[in-house]
Amino acid sequence: MAGMNAEHINPFLIAATKVLKDMCFIDVAIGKPYVKDTEFTNDTLVIMIGVTGEMRGQVMIAIENHVALDIASKMMMMPVTVMDELSTSAISELGNMILGNTATIFSTKGIGIDITPPTLAKGNVSFSNNYSKNLCIPLTYDGDKVIGFNVALKTE
């Protein structure tokens, strides 16, 4: 995995669990990481954010539509029944907050990274890269709602 280890993954998980708790009032359980192809089905939203600096690659947060509706409802503090422009903006901002917090955590460890603005993909989509394998860490809440936290990075 081109230099990825727990010290490189943990800041992402720390930031994700904190932002989900603070912004969505969700306590997630961190599942077992596994190597995954970056192919996503029609009912999945994918927030993709690039990472540059001392680590390079991308993070893809994959959320099935019904889970995205639940998260958007919690963020907007009102029922959301369709992923429209406002709710997709909220979901994209969630990714931005998680990666922004991650960059801050890395900076306290003396590792400088920058992030790109989030890109949101919907529908059957796959991504490929030649520099690092994709590690997926499932974040689960309410027993069956899963957020797939995908990290494909290498250190410089």
Protein backbone atom coordinates (compact mmCIF):
# COMPACT_ATOMS: atom_id res chain seq x y z
CA MET A 1 0.00 0.00 0.00
CA ALA A 2 2.86 2.31 -0.81
CA GLY A 3 3.68 3.40 2.70
CA MET A 4 0.16 3.58 4.21
CA ASN A 5 0.03 2.51 7.84
CA ALA A 6 -2.09 3.13 10.93
CA GLU A 7 -0.34 6.44 11.59
CA HIS A 8 -1.54 7.61 8.16
CA ILE A 9 -5.08 6.22 8.44
CA ASN A 10 -5.94 7.09 12.05
CA PRO A 11 -6.12 10.89 11.53
CA PHE A 12 -8.81 10.34 8.87
CA LEU A 13 -10.80 8.12 11.22
CA ILE A 14 -10.39 10.48 14.18
CA ALA A 15 -11.62 13.39 12.06
CA ALA A 16 -14.51 11.40 10.54
CA THR A 17 -15.81 10.15 13.89
CA LYS A 18 -15.55 13.64 15.44
CA VAL A 19 -17.27 15.46 12.55
CA LEU A 20 -20.04 12.85 12.31
CA LYS A 21 -20.64 13.13 16.05
CA ASP A 22 -20.49 16.95 16.19
CA MET A 23 -22.38 17.74 12.97
CA CYS A 24 -24.75 14.78 12.60
CA PHE A 25 -25.06 13.46 16.17
CA ILE A 26 -23.93 10.05 14.92
CA ASP A 27 -21.69 7.68 16.86
CA VAL A 28 -20.00 5.36 14.38
CA ALA A 29 -18.33 2.01 14.92
CA ILE A 30 -15.12 1.59 12.93
CA GLY A 31 -15.09 -1.68 11.02
CA LYS A 32 -12.22 -3.82 9.79
CA PRO A 33 -10.28 -2.21 6.89
CA TYR A 34 -10.04 -4.11 3.61
CA VAL A 35 -8.67 -3.53 0.12
CA LYS A 36 -11.52 -2.64 -2.24
CA ASP A 37 -11.94 -1.84 -5.91
CA THR A 38 -13.21 1.68 -6.40
CA GLU A 39 -16.42 0.72 -8.16
CA PHE A 40 -19.69 2.09 -6.86
CA THR A 41 -23.28 1.21 -7.68
CA ASN A 42 -26.16 3.32 -8.91
CA ASP A 43 -27.60 3.96 -5.43
CA THR A 44 -24.34 5.36 -4.00
CA LEU A 45 -23.10 8.93 -3.62
CA VAL A 46 -19.31 9.31 -3.60
CA ILE A 47 -17.59 12.36 -2.19
CA MET A 48 -14.10 12.44 -3.69
CA ILE A 49 -11.44 14.74 -2.25
CA GLY A 50 -7.84 14.85 -3.44
CA VAL A 51 -4.90 14.99 -1.06
CA THR A 52 -1.61 16.68 -1.97
CA GLY A 53 1.54 17.55 -0.10
CA GLU A 54 3.57 15.07 1.92
CA MET A 55 0.93 12.45 1.12
CA ARG A 56 -0.77 12.21 -2.25
CA GLY A 57 -3.89 10.49 -3.45
CA GLN A 58 -7.59 10.66 -2.80
CA VAL A 59 -10.24 9.93 -0.26
CA MET A 60 -13.65 8.71 -1.38
CA ILE A 61 -16.53 8.69 1.06
CA ALA A 62 -19.16 6.32 -0.33
CA ILE A 63 -22.69 6.59 1.04
CA GLU A 64 -25.75 4.68 -0.16
CA ASN A 65 -28.61 7.01 -1.05
CA HIS A 66 -30.83 6.10 1.94
CA VAL A 67 -27.91 6.72 4.32
CA ALA A 68 -27.09 10.02 2.58
CA LEU A 69 -30.72 11.10 3.08
CA ASP A 70 -30.44 10.25 6.79
CA ILE A 71 -27.16 12.14 7.17
CA ALA A 72 -28.44 15.17 5.23
CA SER A 73 -31.57 15.18 7.43
CA LYS A 74 -29.41 15.23 10.54
CA MET A 75 -27.13 17.96 9.17
CA MET A 76 -30.01 20.16 8.03
CA MET A 77 -32.15 19.36 11.11
CA MET A 78 -35.19 18.63 8.96
CA PRO A 79 -36.49 15.64 7.02
CA VAL A 80 -34.77 15.21 3.65
CA THR A 81 -36.49 12.86 1.20
CA VAL A 82 -34.61 13.64 -2.01
CA MET A 83 -30.97 14.37 -2.75
CA ASP A 84 -31.44 17.79 -4.32
CA GLU A 85 -28.92 20.61 -4.73
CA LEU A 86 -29.13 21.67 -1.08
CA SER A 87 -28.81 18.18 0.40
CA THR A 88 -25.95 17.18 -1.93
CA SER A 89 -24.21 20.42 -0.97
CA ALA A 90 -24.56 19.45 2.70
CA ILE A 91 -23.12 15.99 2.01
CA SER A 92 -20.21 17.49 0.06
CA GLU A 93 -19.53 19.89 2.91
CA LEU A 94 -19.44 16.95 5.31
CA GLY A 95 -16.55 15.53 3.28
CA ASN A 96 -14.86 18.92 3.27
CA MET A 97 -15.14 19.19 7.07
CA ILE A 98 -13.77 15.68 7.62
CA LEU A 99 -10.75 16.24 5.36
CA GLY A 100 -10.16 19.75 6.73
CA ASN A 101 -10.03 18.32 10.24
CA THR A 102 -7.75 15.54 8.99
CA ALA A 103 -5.33 18.12 7.55
CA THR A 104 -5.29 19.89 10.92
CA ILE A 105 -4.50 16.64 12.75
CA PHE A 106 -1.67 15.88 10.32
CA SER A 107 -0.26 19.40 10.77
CA THR A 108 0.03 18.82 14.54
CA LYS A 109 2.20 15.80 13.67
CA GLY A 110 4.42 17.86 11.37
CA ILE A 111 2.91 16.42 8.17
CA GLY A 112 1.68 18.98 5.66
CA ILE A 113 -1.21 18.09 3.37
CA ASP A 114 -3.65 20.11 1.32
CA ILE A 115 -7.03 19.02 0.07
CA THR A 116 -8.95 19.73 -3.12
CA PRO A 117 -12.57 20.88 -3.18
CA PRO A 118 -14.99 17.94 -2.97
CA THR A 119 -16.35 16.33 -6.13
CA LEU A 120 -19.63 14.44 -5.86
CA ALA A 121 -20.25 11.43 -8.09
CA LYS A 122 -23.58 9.59 -8.42
CA GLY A 123 -24.56 6.48 -10.31
CA ASN A 124 -22.53 3.54 -11.52
CA VAL A 125 -18.99 4.83 -11.45
CA SER A 126 -15.49 3.44 -11.06
CA PHE A 127 -12.15 5.09 -10.52
CA SER A 128 -8.67 3.76 -11.08
CA ASN A 129 -5.19 4.78 -10.07
CA ASN A 130 -1.77 3.29 -10.48
CA TYR A 131 -0.05 4.60 -7.38
CA SER A 132 -1.81 3.04 -4.38
CA LYS A 133 -4.39 0.43 -3.46
CA ASN A 134 -7.68 1.63 -2.06
CA LEU A 135 -8.26 0.81 1.60
CA CYS A 136 -11.92 0.87 2.67
CA ILE A 137 -12.81 1.34 6.33
CA PRO A 138 -16.54 0.89 7.01
CA LEU A 139 -18.08 3.31 9.52
CA THR A 140 -21.38 1.91 10.80
CA TYR A 141 -24.16 3.49 12.83
CA ASP A 142 -27.71 2.53 13.83
CA GLY A 143 -26.76 -1.10 13.27
CA ASP A 144 -27.02 -1.18 9.47
CA LYS A 145 -26.14 2.26 8.06
CA VAL A 146 -22.65 2.20 6.53
CA ILE A 147 -20.36 4.95 5.33
CA GLY A 148 -17.50 3.53 3.24
CA PHE A 149 -14.39 5.57 4.00
CA ASN A 150 -11.98 4.84 1.14
CA VAL A 151 -8.34 5.99 1.32
CA ALA A 152 -5.85 5.62 -1.55
CA LEU A 153 -2.66 7.43 -0.58
CA LYS A 154 1.07 7.19 -0.75
CA THR A 155 3.65 9.14 1.19
CA GLU A 156 6.25 11.21 -0.56
